[in-house]
Amino acid sequence: MGDTIHIPRVKLGSQGLEVSKLGYGCMGLTGVYNAAVPEDVAISLIKHAFSKGITFFDTADFYAAHTNEVFVGKALKDIPRDQIQIATKFGIVKMESGNVVVNGSPEYVRSCCEGSLQRLGVDYIDLYYQHRIDTTVPIEDTMGELKKLVEEGKIKYIGLSEASTDTIRRAHAVHPITAVQMEWSLWTREIEPDIIPLCRYLTD
């Protein structure tokens, strides 16, 4: 008989979100770094992760043109909603000639949120990230709409992905930012001089 796996809990930000310290990034299920897996396999992998104590699942509307969110929604529909934390992202419209086309307009924010809620089959999203920052739209405008979605109960917490220190500060002034998603690894250390200290300061 195998040992029971205990995955500790960790708080993100200072607004109350608590997740499993080990999360499950769902992007690879529908291919990016590898071939996509069949739907039934993707669903079984997500359910297996939950059975091992992982409660934090990360997806995005851009992954496989919405398919990734659909897989996540199907996998988690039979699990009590209060036992899982779902993170998804909006903002990337398409990849065009090697460039990322983004949209951070309030109208787009709301339409993306409504679409994600439907595909995931949930009433609210625990952590909603802006996947990439739209430099043509003031971050205050994007955050203003996200704040409205929090007030309406459609999202619980707000995150930013690949944001600068200035963007994080300005966004946080509109509504508290719970999480910043950027690569931080043994070979990627660029966020240590500025981003990490800022995040620590804002959560104190």
N, C-alpha and C. Protein backbone atom coordinates (compact mmCIF):
# COMPACT_ATOMS: atom_id res chain seq x y z
N MET A 1 0.85 -1.19 0.00
CA MET A 1 0.00 0.00 0.00
C MET A 1 0.89 1.25 0.00
N GLY A 2 0.67 2.16 -0.94
CA GLY A 2 1.52 3.33 -1.08
C GLY A 2 1.25 4.35 0.00
N ASP A 3 2.24 5.19 0.21
CA ASP A 3 2.10 6.25 1.20
C ASP A 3 1.12 7.31 0.69
N THR A 4 0.37 7.89 1.61
CA THR A 4 -0.54 8.97 1.26
C THR A 4 0.27 10.23 0.96
N ILE A 5 -0.05 10.88 -0.14
CA ILE A 5 0.66 12.09 -0.53
C ILE A 5 -0.05 13.30 0.09
N HIS A 6 0.70 14.11 0.81
CA HIS A 6 0.13 15.33 1.38
C HIS A 6 0.76 16.53 0.70
N ILE A 7 -0.05 17.31 0.01
CA ILE A 7 0.43 18.52 -0.64
C ILE A 7 0.02 19.71 0.23
N PRO A 8 0.97 20.46 0.74
CA PRO A 8 0.64 21.59 1.61
C PRO A 8 -0.12 22.68 0.88
N ARG A 9 -0.74 23.55 1.66
CA ARG A 9 -1.48 24.68 1.12
C ARG A 9 -0.63 25.94 1.22
N VAL A 10 -0.90 26.89 0.35
CA VAL A 10 -0.17 28.16 0.37
C VAL A 10 -1.14 29.28 0.03
N LYS A 11 -0.93 30.44 0.62
CA LYS A 11 -1.75 31.60 0.32
C LYS A 11 -1.12 32.39 -0.81
N LEU A 12 -1.94 32.81 -1.76
CA LEU A 12 -1.49 33.69 -2.84
C LEU A 12 -1.99 35.10 -2.53
N GLY A 13 -1.08 36.06 -2.57
CA GLY A 13 -1.47 37.43 -2.27
C GLY A 13 -1.91 37.58 -0.83
N SER A 14 -2.63 38.65 -0.58
CA SER A 14 -3.10 38.92 0.79
C SER A 14 -4.61 39.10 0.87
N GLN A 15 -5.31 38.65 -0.19
CA GLN A 15 -6.77 38.83 -0.21
C GLN A 15 -7.54 37.59 0.24
N GLY A 16 -6.82 36.47 0.48
CA GLY A 16 -7.51 35.30 1.01
C GLY A 16 -7.47 34.05 0.16
N LEU A 17 -6.92 34.12 -1.05
CA LEU A 17 -6.89 32.93 -1.90
C LEU A 17 -5.87 31.93 -1.36
N GLU A 18 -6.31 30.69 -1.19
CA GLU A 18 -5.43 29.62 -0.73
C GLU A 18 -5.53 28.47 -1.73
N VAL A 19 -4.39 27.92 -2.12
CA VAL A 19 -4.34 26.87 -3.14
C VAL A 19 -3.36 25.79 -2.71
N SER A 20 -3.40 24.68 -3.41
CA SER A 20 -2.37 23.66 -3.18
C SER A 20 -1.03 24.21 -3.64
N LYS A 21 0.02 23.94 -2.88
CA LYS A 21 1.34 24.50 -3.20
C LYS A 21 1.84 24.02 -4.54
N LEU A 22 1.45 22.83 -4.92
CA LEU A 22 1.74 22.30 -6.25
C LEU A 22 0.48 22.42 -7.09
N GLY A 23 0.58 23.15 -8.19
CA GLY A 23 -0.57 23.31 -9.07
C GLY A 23 -0.43 22.45 -10.31
N TYR A 24 -1.48 22.43 -11.11
CA TYR A 24 -1.45 21.65 -12.36
C TYR A 24 -1.65 22.61 -13.52
N GLY A 25 -0.57 22.82 -14.30
CA GLY A 25 -0.66 23.63 -15.50
C GLY A 25 -1.19 22.80 -16.65
N CYS A 26 -2.34 23.18 -17.17
CA CYS A 26 -3.05 22.34 -18.14
C CYS A 26 -2.67 22.59 -19.59
N MET A 27 -1.83 23.59 -19.86
CA MET A 27 -1.53 23.96 -21.24
C MET A 27 -1.06 22.79 -22.09
N GLY A 28 -0.17 21.96 -21.55
CA GLY A 28 0.40 20.88 -22.34
C GLY A 28 -0.58 19.80 -22.76
N LEU A 29 -1.74 19.76 -22.13
CA LEU A 29 -2.72 18.73 -22.49
C LEU A 29 -3.19 18.87 -23.93
N THR A 30 -3.22 20.10 -24.41
CA THR A 30 -3.70 20.32 -25.77
C THR A 30 -2.58 20.73 -26.71
N GLY A 31 -1.34 20.41 -26.32
CA GLY A 31 -0.20 20.60 -27.20
C GLY A 31 0.37 22.00 -27.17
N VAL A 32 1.64 22.10 -27.07
CA VAL A 32 2.46 23.29 -27.22
C VAL A 32 3.90 22.80 -27.29
N TYR A 33 4.31 22.22 -26.17
CA TYR A 33 5.65 21.63 -26.11
C TYR A 33 5.63 20.16 -26.52
N ASN A 34 4.45 19.64 -26.71
CA ASN A 34 4.29 18.22 -27.00
C ASN A 34 3.01 18.04 -27.81
N ALA A 35 2.77 16.81 -28.25
CA ALA A 35 1.52 16.53 -28.97
C ALA A 35 0.35 16.56 -28.01
N ALA A 36 -0.79 17.01 -28.50
CA ALA A 36 -1.99 17.03 -27.67
C ALA A 36 -2.41 15.60 -27.33
N VAL A 37 -3.04 15.44 -26.17
CA VAL A 37 -3.55 14.13 -25.77
C VAL A 37 -5.04 14.08 -26.05
N PRO A 38 -5.61 12.89 -26.22
CA PRO A 38 -7.05 12.77 -26.44
C PRO A 38 -7.84 13.33 -25.24
N GLU A 39 -9.06 13.73 -25.51
CA GLU A 39 -9.90 14.34 -24.48
C GLU A 39 -10.03 13.44 -23.25
N ASP A 40 -10.28 12.15 -23.45
CA ASP A 40 -10.48 11.28 -22.30
C ASP A 40 -9.22 11.15 -21.45
N VAL A 41 -8.06 11.20 -22.11
CA VAL A 41 -6.80 11.14 -21.37
C VAL A 41 -6.58 12.43 -20.59
N ALA A 42 -6.86 13.57 -21.22
CA ALA A 42 -6.71 14.86 -20.54
C ALA A 42 -7.59 14.91 -19.29
N ILE A 43 -8.83 14.46 -19.43
CA ILE A 43 -9.75 14.48 -18.30
C ILE A 43 -9.28 13.56 -17.20
N SER A 44 -8.80 12.39 -17.56
CA SER A 44 -8.34 11.44 -16.54
C SER A 44 -7.09 11.96 -15.83
N LEU A 45 -6.21 12.66 -16.53
CA LEU A 45 -5.01 13.22 -15.91
C LEU A 45 -5.37 14.30 -14.89
N ILE A 46 -6.32 15.15 -15.25
CA ILE A 46 -6.74 16.21 -14.32
C ILE A 46 -7.38 15.59 -13.08
N LYS A 47 -8.24 14.61 -13.27
CA LYS A 47 -8.88 13.95 -12.13
C LYS A 47 -7.85 13.22 -11.26
N HIS A 48 -6.85 12.63 -11.89
CA HIS A 48 -5.80 11.94 -11.14
C HIS A 48 -5.02 12.94 -10.29
N ALA A 49 -4.73 14.11 -10.87
CA ALA A 49 -4.02 15.14 -10.12
C ALA A 49 -4.81 15.54 -8.87
N PHE A 50 -6.12 15.70 -9.03
CA PHE A 50 -6.96 16.06 -7.88
C PHE A 50 -6.94 14.95 -6.83
N SER A 51 -6.98 13.71 -7.27
CA SER A 51 -6.99 12.59 -6.33
C SER A 51 -5.70 12.52 -5.52
N LYS A 52 -4.64 13.14 -6.03
CA LYS A 52 -3.35 13.16 -5.34
C LYS A 52 -3.14 14.42 -4.51
N GLY A 53 -4.17 15.25 -4.43
CA GLY A 53 -4.10 16.41 -3.55
C GLY A 53 -3.92 17.75 -4.23
N ILE A 54 -3.83 17.77 -5.55
CA ILE A 54 -3.72 19.04 -6.26
C ILE A 54 -5.11 19.64 -6.45
N THR A 55 -5.27 20.89 -6.04
CA THR A 55 -6.58 21.54 -6.16
C THR A 55 -6.53 22.78 -7.04
N PHE A 56 -5.35 23.19 -7.47
CA PHE A 56 -5.16 24.43 -8.22
C PHE A 56 -4.86 24.10 -9.68
N PHE A 57 -5.77 24.48 -10.57
CA PHE A 57 -5.66 24.13 -11.99
C PHE A 57 -5.60 25.40 -12.83
N ASP A 58 -4.61 25.46 -13.72
CA ASP A 58 -4.34 26.66 -14.51
C ASP A 58 -4.55 26.40 -16.00
N THR A 59 -5.37 27.22 -16.62
CA THR A 59 -5.66 27.10 -18.05
C THR A 59 -5.73 28.49 -18.65
N ALA A 60 -6.19 28.62 -19.88
CA ALA A 60 -6.34 29.92 -20.55
C ALA A 60 -7.26 29.76 -21.75
N ASP A 61 -7.95 30.85 -22.08
CA ASP A 61 -8.85 30.76 -23.24
C ASP A 61 -8.06 30.58 -24.54
N PHE A 62 -6.80 31.00 -24.57
CA PHE A 62 -6.00 30.91 -25.79
C PHE A 62 -5.47 29.50 -26.06
N TYR A 63 -5.37 28.69 -25.05
CA TYR A 63 -4.80 27.35 -25.23
C TYR A 63 -5.70 26.50 -26.11
N ALA A 64 -5.19 26.14 -27.28
CA ALA A 64 -5.91 25.31 -28.25
C ALA A 64 -7.27 25.89 -28.60
N ALA A 65 -7.31 27.21 -28.73
CA ALA A 65 -8.54 27.90 -29.16
C ALA A 65 -9.75 27.47 -28.33
N HIS A 66 -9.62 27.60 -27.02
CA HIS A 66 -10.69 27.34 -26.05
C HIS A 66 -10.82 25.87 -25.63
N THR A 67 -10.22 24.96 -26.39
CA THR A 67 -10.39 23.53 -26.10
C THR A 67 -9.87 23.17 -24.71
N ASN A 68 -8.77 23.78 -24.29
CA ASN A 68 -8.19 23.46 -23.00
C ASN A 68 -9.17 23.75 -21.86
N GLU A 69 -9.84 24.88 -21.94
CA GLU A 69 -10.83 25.21 -20.91
C GLU A 69 -11.97 24.20 -20.90
N VAL A 70 -12.37 23.76 -22.07
CA VAL A 70 -13.46 22.77 -22.15
C VAL A 70 -13.04 21.48 -21.44
N PHE A 71 -11.82 21.02 -21.68
CA PHE A 71 -11.31 19.81 -21.02
C PHE A 71 -11.31 19.98 -19.51
N VAL A 72 -10.82 21.11 -19.05
CA VAL A 72 -10.76 21.37 -17.61
C VAL A 72 -12.16 21.37 -17.01
N GLY A 73 -13.09 22.02 -17.70
CA GLY A 73 -14.46 22.05 -17.21
C GLY A 73 -15.09 20.68 -17.11
N LYS A 74 -14.86 19.85 -18.11
CA LYS A 74 -15.41 18.49 -18.08
C LYS A 74 -14.78 17.65 -16.98
N ALA A 75 -13.49 17.85 -16.76
CA ALA A 75 -12.80 17.05 -15.75
C ALA A 75 -13.23 17.42 -14.33
N LEU A 76 -13.53 18.68 -14.12
CA LEU A 76 -13.80 19.14 -12.75
C LEU A 76 -15.28 19.23 -12.41
N LYS A 77 -16.14 18.91 -13.36
CA LYS A 77 -17.57 19.12 -13.12
C LYS A 77 -18.14 18.25 -12.01
N ASP A 78 -17.53 17.09 -11.75
CA ASP A 78 -18.05 16.20 -10.72
C ASP A 78 -17.35 16.39 -9.37
N ILE A 79 -16.45 17.35 -9.29
CA ILE A 79 -15.74 17.63 -8.05
C ILE A 79 -16.40 18.82 -7.36
N PRO A 80 -16.64 18.75 -6.06
CA PRO A 80 -17.25 19.90 -5.35
C PRO A 80 -16.50 21.19 -5.64
N ARG A 81 -17.24 22.20 -6.02
CA ARG A 81 -16.61 23.45 -6.46
C ARG A 81 -15.74 24.08 -5.39
N ASP A 82 -16.11 23.94 -4.14
CA ASP A 82 -15.34 24.59 -3.08
C ASP A 82 -14.04 23.84 -2.76
N GLN A 83 -13.79 22.73 -3.45
CA GLN A 83 -12.56 21.98 -3.21
C GLN A 83 -11.48 22.24 -4.26
N ILE A 84 -11.80 23.06 -5.25
CA ILE A 84 -10.84 23.34 -6.32
C ILE A 84 -10.71 24.84 -6.54
N GLN A 85 -9.56 25.22 -7.08
CA GLN A 85 -9.33 26.62 -7.45
C GLN A 85 -8.92 26.64 -8.92
N ILE A 86 -9.68 27.38 -9.71
CA ILE A 86 -9.46 27.44 -11.15
C ILE A 86 -8.87 28.80 -11.53
N ALA A 87 -7.75 28.76 -12.23
CA ALA A 87 -7.16 29.97 -12.79
C ALA A 87 -7.26 29.88 -14.31
N THR A 88 -7.71 30.95 -14.92
CA THR A 88 -7.67 31.02 -16.38
C THR A 88 -7.26 32.42 -16.79
N LYS A 89 -7.03 32.61 -18.08
CA LYS A 89 -6.45 33.85 -18.55
C LYS A 89 -7.15 34.36 -19.81
N PHE A 90 -7.09 35.66 -19.99
CA PHE A 90 -7.64 36.31 -21.19
C PHE A 90 -6.60 37.29 -21.73
N GLY A 91 -6.82 37.76 -22.93
CA GLY A 91 -6.00 38.86 -23.44
C GLY A 91 -5.28 38.56 -24.74
N ILE A 92 -4.88 37.30 -24.97
CA ILE A 92 -4.23 36.97 -26.23
C ILE A 92 -5.32 36.65 -27.26
N VAL A 93 -5.35 37.41 -28.32
CA VAL A 93 -6.35 37.21 -29.38
C VAL A 93 -5.87 36.17 -30.38
N LYS A 94 -4.62 36.32 -30.82
CA LYS A 94 -4.06 35.39 -31.81
C LYS A 94 -2.56 35.61 -31.94
N MET A 95 -1.92 34.67 -32.61
CA MET A 95 -0.52 34.80 -32.99
C MET A 95 -0.49 35.12 -34.48
N GLU A 96 0.19 36.18 -34.85
CA GLU A 96 0.18 36.62 -36.25
C GLU A 96 1.60 36.97 -36.69
N SER A 97 2.14 36.19 -37.62
CA SER A 97 3.49 36.41 -38.13
C SER A 97 4.52 36.47 -37.01
N GLY A 98 4.33 35.58 -36.05
CA GLY A 98 5.25 35.51 -34.93
C GLY A 98 5.01 36.53 -33.84
N ASN A 99 4.04 37.42 -34.03
CA ASN A 99 3.72 38.42 -33.02
C ASN A 99 2.43 38.05 -32.28
N VAL A 100 2.38 38.42 -31.02
CA VAL A 100 1.20 38.15 -30.20
C VAL A 100 0.26 39.35 -30.30
N VAL A 101 -0.95 39.11 -30.75
CA VAL A 101 -1.98 40.16 -30.81
C VAL A 101 -2.79 40.10 -29.53
N VAL A 102 -2.83 41.22 -28.80
CA VAL A 102 -3.50 41.23 -27.50
C VAL A 102 -4.61 42.28 -27.48
N ASN A 103 -5.53 42.12 -26.52
CA ASN A 103 -6.63 43.06 -26.38
C ASN A 103 -6.98 43.17 -24.89
N GLY A 104 -6.86 44.37 -24.36
CA GLY A 104 -7.19 44.58 -22.96
C GLY A 104 -8.34 45.54 -22.76
N SER A 105 -9.13 45.75 -23.81
CA SER A 105 -10.26 46.68 -23.69
C SER A 105 -11.31 46.13 -22.74
N PRO A 106 -12.02 47.00 -22.04
CA PRO A 106 -13.06 46.53 -21.10
C PRO A 106 -14.08 45.59 -21.74
N GLU A 107 -14.49 45.90 -22.96
CA GLU A 107 -15.48 45.07 -23.64
C GLU A 107 -14.94 43.66 -23.89
N TYR A 108 -13.67 43.60 -24.26
CA TYR A 108 -13.06 42.30 -24.53
C TYR A 108 -12.87 41.52 -23.23
N VAL A 109 -12.49 42.20 -22.17
CA VAL A 109 -12.35 41.56 -20.85
C VAL A 109 -13.64 40.86 -20.48
N ARG A 110 -14.72 41.57 -20.58
CA ARG A 110 -16.01 41.00 -20.17
C ARG A 110 -16.44 39.84 -21.07
N SER A 111 -16.27 39.99 -22.37
CA SER A 111 -16.70 38.92 -23.27
C SER A 111 -15.86 37.66 -23.04
N CYS A 112 -14.56 37.84 -22.78
CA CYS A 112 -13.70 36.69 -22.50
C CYS A 112 -14.11 36.00 -21.21
N CYS A 113 -14.41 36.77 -20.20
CA CYS A 113 -14.81 36.19 -18.92
C CYS A 113 -16.10 35.37 -19.08
N GLU A 114 -17.06 35.93 -19.78
CA GLU A 114 -18.33 35.21 -19.98
C GLU A 114 -18.08 33.91 -20.75
N GLY A 115 -17.20 33.95 -21.76
CA GLY A 115 -16.90 32.75 -22.52
C GLY A 115 -16.22 31.69 -21.68
N SER A 116 -15.27 32.12 -20.85
CA SER A 116 -14.56 31.16 -20.00
C SER A 116 -15.49 30.52 -18.98
N LEU A 117 -16.36 31.31 -18.39
CA LEU A 117 -17.32 30.77 -17.43
C LEU A 117 -18.17 29.67 -18.07
N GLN A 118 -18.59 29.92 -19.30
CA GLN A 118 -19.42 28.95 -20.00
C GLN A 118 -18.65 27.68 -20.32
N ARG A 119 -17.44 27.83 -20.84
CA ARG A 119 -16.64 26.66 -21.22
C ARG A 119 -16.23 25.84 -20.00
N LEU A 120 -15.91 26.52 -18.91
CA LEU A 120 -15.51 25.83 -17.69
C LEU A 120 -16.70 25.25 -16.93
N GLY A 121 -17.88 25.76 -17.23
CA GLY A 121 -19.08 25.26 -16.56
C GLY A 121 -19.16 25.66 -15.10
N VAL A 122 -18.69 26.87 -14.78
CA VAL A 122 -18.69 27.33 -13.39
C VAL A 122 -19.37 28.69 -13.29
N ASP A 123 -19.71 29.07 -12.05
CA ASP A 123 -20.35 30.36 -11.81
C ASP A 123 -19.34 31.46 -11.56
N TYR A 124 -18.12 31.06 -11.21
CA TYR A 124 -17.08 32.06 -10.95
C TYR A 124 -15.71 31.45 -11.23
N ILE A 125 -14.76 32.32 -11.49
CA ILE A 125 -13.36 31.94 -11.71
C ILE A 125 -12.58 32.39 -10.48
N ASP A 126 -11.80 31.49 -9.92
CA ASP A 126 -11.07 31.85 -8.70
C ASP A 126 -10.01 32.91 -8.97
N LEU A 127 -9.17 32.70 -9.98
CA LEU A 127 -8.08 33.63 -10.28
C LEU A 127 -8.09 33.91 -11.78
N TYR A 128 -8.32 35.15 -12.13
CA TYR A 128 -8.44 35.54 -13.54
C TYR A 128 -7.27 36.45 -13.91
N TYR A 129 -6.41 35.94 -14.81
CA TYR A 129 -5.21 36.65 -15.22
C TYR A 129 -5.42 37.41 -16.52
N GLN A 130 -4.76 38.56 -16.64
CA GLN A 130 -4.55 39.15 -17.95
C GLN A 130 -3.31 38.47 -18.51
N HIS A 131 -3.48 37.72 -19.59
CA HIS A 131 -2.44 36.84 -20.11
C HIS A 131 -1.24 37.62 -20.65
N ARG A 132 -1.50 38.69 -21.38
CA ARG A 132 -0.48 39.60 -21.85
C ARG A 132 -1.04 41.02 -21.75
N ILE A 133 -0.16 41.98 -21.52
CA ILE A 133 -0.60 43.36 -21.32
C ILE A 133 -0.78 44.06 -22.66
N ASP A 134 -1.91 44.70 -22.83
CA ASP A 134 -2.20 45.49 -24.03
C ASP A 134 -1.70 46.91 -23.78
N THR A 135 -0.59 47.27 -24.40
CA THR A 135 0.01 48.58 -24.16
C THR A 135 -0.76 49.72 -24.83
N THR A 136 -1.77 49.38 -25.64
CA THR A 136 -2.58 50.43 -26.27
C THR A 136 -3.78 50.81 -25.41
N VAL A 137 -4.01 50.06 -24.35
CA VAL A 137 -5.13 50.34 -23.44
C VAL A 137 -4.56 50.60 -22.05
N PRO A 138 -4.89 51.72 -21.42
CA PRO A 138 -4.40 51.97 -20.08
C PRO A 138 -4.76 50.82 -19.14
N ILE A 139 -3.79 50.36 -18.35
CA ILE A 139 -4.06 49.24 -17.46
C ILE A 139 -5.19 49.57 -16.49
N GLU A 140 -5.38 50.87 -16.19
CA GLU A 140 -6.46 51.28 -15.31
C GLU A 140 -7.83 50.93 -15.90
N ASP A 141 -7.96 51.02 -17.23
CA ASP A 141 -9.22 50.69 -17.89
C ASP A 141 -9.49 49.18 -17.82
N THR A 142 -8.46 48.40 -18.09
CA THR A 142 -8.60 46.94 -18.01
C THR A 142 -8.95 46.53 -16.59
N MET A 143 -8.23 47.06 -15.63
CA MET A 143 -8.46 46.70 -14.22
C MET A 143 -9.83 47.18 -13.74
N GLY A 144 -10.29 48.29 -14.29
CA GLY A 144 -11.61 48.77 -13.89
C GLY A 144 -12.70 47.76 -14.22
N GLU A 145 -12.59 47.14 -15.38
CA GLU A 145 -13.58 46.13 -15.77
C GLU A 145 -13.41 44.87 -14.95
N LEU A 146 -12.16 44.48 -14.68
CA LEU A 146 -11.92 43.31 -13.84
C LEU A 146 -12.48 43.53 -12.44
N LYS A 147 -12.32 44.73 -11.93
CA LYS A 147 -12.87 45.06 -10.61
C LYS A 147 -14.39 44.90 -10.61
N LYS A 148 -15.05 45.33 -11.69
CA LYS A 148 -16.51 45.16 -11.80
C LYS A 148 -16.88 43.68 -11.77
N LEU A 149 -16.08 42.85 -12.44
CA LEU A 149 -16.36 41.41 -12.48
C LEU A 149 -16.20 40.80 -11.09
N VAL A 150 -15.25 41.31 -10.31
CA VAL A 150 -15.11 40.87 -8.92
C VAL A 150 -16.35 41.26 -8.12
N GLU A 151 -16.78 42.49 -8.28
CA GLU A 151 -17.96 42.98 -7.56
C GLU A 151 -19.21 42.21 -7.93
N GLU A 152 -19.27 41.70 -9.17
CA GLU A 152 -20.42 40.92 -9.63
C GLU A 152 -20.31 39.45 -9.24
N GLY A 153 -19.18 39.05 -8.66
CA GLY A 153 -19.00 37.67 -8.23
C GLY A 153 -18.59 36.72 -9.33
N LYS A 154 -18.24 37.24 -10.50
CA LYS A 154 -17.86 36.36 -11.62
C LYS A 154 -16.40 35.91 -11.53
N ILE A 155 -15.58 36.72 -10.89
CA ILE A 155 -14.22 36.31 -10.58
C ILE A 155 -13.96 36.66 -9.12
N LYS A 156 -13.05 35.91 -8.50
CA LYS A 156 -12.74 36.15 -7.09
C LYS A 156 -11.47 36.99 -6.92
N TYR A 157 -10.46 36.69 -7.71
CA TYR A 157 -9.17 37.36 -7.55
C TYR A 157 -8.59 37.67 -8.93
N ILE A 158 -7.71 38.68 -8.98
CA ILE A 158 -7.15 39.15 -10.24
C ILE A 158 -5.64 38.90 -10.27
N GLY A 159 -5.16 38.44 -11.43
CA GLY A 159 -3.73 38.24 -11.62
C GLY A 159 -3.24 38.88 -12.91
N LEU A 160 -1.93 39.06 -13.01
CA LEU A 160 -1.30 39.58 -14.21
C LEU A 160 -0.22 38.60 -14.65
N SER A 161 -0.05 38.46 -15.95
CA SER A 161 0.99 37.59 -16.49
C SER A 161 1.93 38.42 -17.36
N GLU A 162 3.22 38.26 -17.16
CA GLU A 162 4.23 38.97 -17.95
C GLU A 162 4.03 40.48 -17.90
N ALA A 163 3.93 41.02 -16.69
CA ALA A 163 3.71 42.46 -16.52
C ALA A 163 4.97 43.13 -15.96
N SER A 164 5.15 44.40 -16.30
CA SER A 164 6.28 45.18 -15.79
C SER A 164 5.98 45.70 -14.39
N THR A 165 7.00 46.21 -13.73
CA THR A 165 6.79 46.76 -12.38
C THR A 165 5.82 47.94 -12.41
N ASP A 166 5.96 48.79 -13.41
CA ASP A 166 5.06 49.95 -13.51
C ASP A 166 3.61 49.51 -13.69
N THR A 167 3.39 48.51 -14.56
CA THR A 167 2.03 48.00 -14.78
C THR A 167 1.47 47.38 -13.52
N ILE A 168 2.27 46.63 -12.80
CA ILE A 168 1.81 45.99 -11.56
C ILE A 168 1.40 47.05 -10.55
N ARG A 169 2.22 48.07 -10.38
CA ARG A 169 1.91 49.14 -9.42
C ARG A 169 0.61 49.84 -9.78
N ARG A 170 0.47 50.21 -11.04
CA ARG A 170 -0.72 50.94 -11.47
C ARG A 170 -1.97 50.06 -11.36
N ALA A 171 -1.84 48.80 -11.73
CA ALA A 171 -2.98 47.88 -11.63
C ALA A 171 -3.40 47.68 -10.18
N HIS A 172 -2.43 47.49 -9.31
CA HIS A 172 -2.70 47.24 -7.90
C HIS A 172 -3.38 48.44 -7.23
N ALA A 173 -3.15 49.64 -7.77
CA ALA A 173 -3.78 50.84 -7.23
C ALA A 173 -5.28 50.86 -7.52
N VAL A 174 -5.70 50.16 -8.57
CA VAL A 174 -7.12 50.10 -8.92
C VAL A 174 -7.82 49.01 -8.12
N HIS A 175 -7.18 47.83 -8.05
CA HIS A 175 -7.71 46.70 -7.29
C HIS A 175 -6.53 45.80 -6.95
N PRO A 176 -6.52 45.23 -5.74
CA PRO A 176 -5.38 44.39 -5.36
C PRO A 176 -5.11 43.25 -6.35
N ILE A 177 -3.83 43.09 -6.68
CA ILE A 177 -3.39 41.98 -7.53
C ILE A 177 -3.01 40.82 -6.61
N THR A 178 -3.59 39.66 -6.86
CA THR A 178 -3.35 38.49 -6.02
C THR A 178 -2.13 37.70 -6.46
N ALA A 179 -1.88 37.64 -7.76
CA ALA A 179 -0.77 36.83 -8.27
C ALA A 179 -0.19 37.44 -9.53
N VAL A 180 1.12 37.27 -9.69
CA VAL A 180 1.82 37.65 -10.91
C VAL A 180 2.47 36.39 -11.46
N GLN A 181 2.15 36.07 -12.70
CA GLN A 181 2.65 34.83 -13.31
C GLN A 181 3.77 35.15 -14.30
N MET A 182 4.97 34.72 -13.94
CA MET A 182 6.13 34.89 -14.81
C MET A 182 7.08 33.72 -14.58
N GLU A 183 7.91 33.43 -15.56
CA GLU A 183 8.84 32.33 -15.37
C GLU A 183 9.90 32.71 -14.34
N TRP A 184 10.14 31.79 -13.40
CA TRP A 184 11.18 31.96 -12.39
C TRP A 184 11.77 30.58 -12.14
N SER A 185 12.95 30.37 -12.60
CA SER A 185 13.55 29.05 -12.55
C SER A 185 15.05 29.16 -12.33
N LEU A 186 15.72 28.02 -12.32
CA LEU A 186 17.16 28.02 -12.10
C LEU A 186 17.91 28.80 -13.17
N TRP A 187 17.35 28.84 -14.39
CA TRP A 187 18.04 29.53 -15.48
C TRP A 187 17.35 30.83 -15.89
N THR A 188 16.23 31.17 -15.27
CA THR A 188 15.53 32.42 -15.58
C THR A 188 15.38 33.23 -14.30
N ARG A 189 16.24 34.21 -14.11
CA ARG A 189 16.33 34.95 -12.85
C ARG A 189 15.97 36.43 -13.00
N GLU A 190 15.51 36.84 -14.18
CA GLU A 190 15.37 38.26 -14.46
C GLU A 190 14.39 38.99 -13.55
N ILE A 191 13.45 38.27 -12.94
CA ILE A 191 12.44 38.96 -12.12
C ILE A 191 12.92 39.25 -10.70
N GLU A 192 14.09 38.75 -10.33
CA GLU A 192 14.55 38.87 -8.95
C GLU A 192 14.90 40.30 -8.51
N PRO A 193 15.54 41.13 -9.35
CA PRO A 193 15.92 42.47 -8.88
C PRO A 193 14.74 43.41 -8.59
N ASP A 194 13.67 43.31 -9.40
CA ASP A 194 12.59 44.30 -9.29
C ASP A 194 11.20 43.70 -9.02
N ILE A 195 10.81 42.68 -9.81
CA ILE A 195 9.46 42.13 -9.72
C ILE A 195 9.20 41.48 -8.36
N ILE A 196 10.10 40.61 -7.92
CA ILE A 196 9.90 39.91 -6.65
C ILE A 196 9.83 40.88 -5.48
N PRO A 197 10.77 41.83 -5.34
CA PRO A 197 10.65 42.78 -4.23
C PRO A 197 9.35 43.58 -4.26
N LEU A 198 8.91 43.97 -5.47
CA LEU A 198 7.66 44.72 -5.57
C LEU A 198 6.48 43.89 -5.10
N CYS A 199 6.41 42.65 -5.53
CA CYS A 199 5.29 41.77 -5.12
C CYS A 199 5.30 41.57 -3.61
N ARG A 200 6.48 41.40 -3.02
CA ARG A 200 6.56 41.25 -1.57
C ARG A 200 6.09 42.50 -0.86
N TYR A 201 6.48 43.64 -1.40
CA TYR A 201 6.08 44.93 -0.81
C TYR A 201 4.56 45.10 -0.87
N LEU A 202 3.96 44.77 -2.00
CA LEU A 202 2.52 44.97 -2.17
C LEU A 202 1.68 44.01 -1.35
N THR A 203 2.25 42.88 -0.94
CA THR A 203 1.48 41.91 -0.14
C THR A 203 1.75 42.03 1.35
N ASP A 204 2.64 42.91 1.75
CA ASP A 204 2.90 43.12 3.18
C ASP A 204 1.75 43.84 3.85
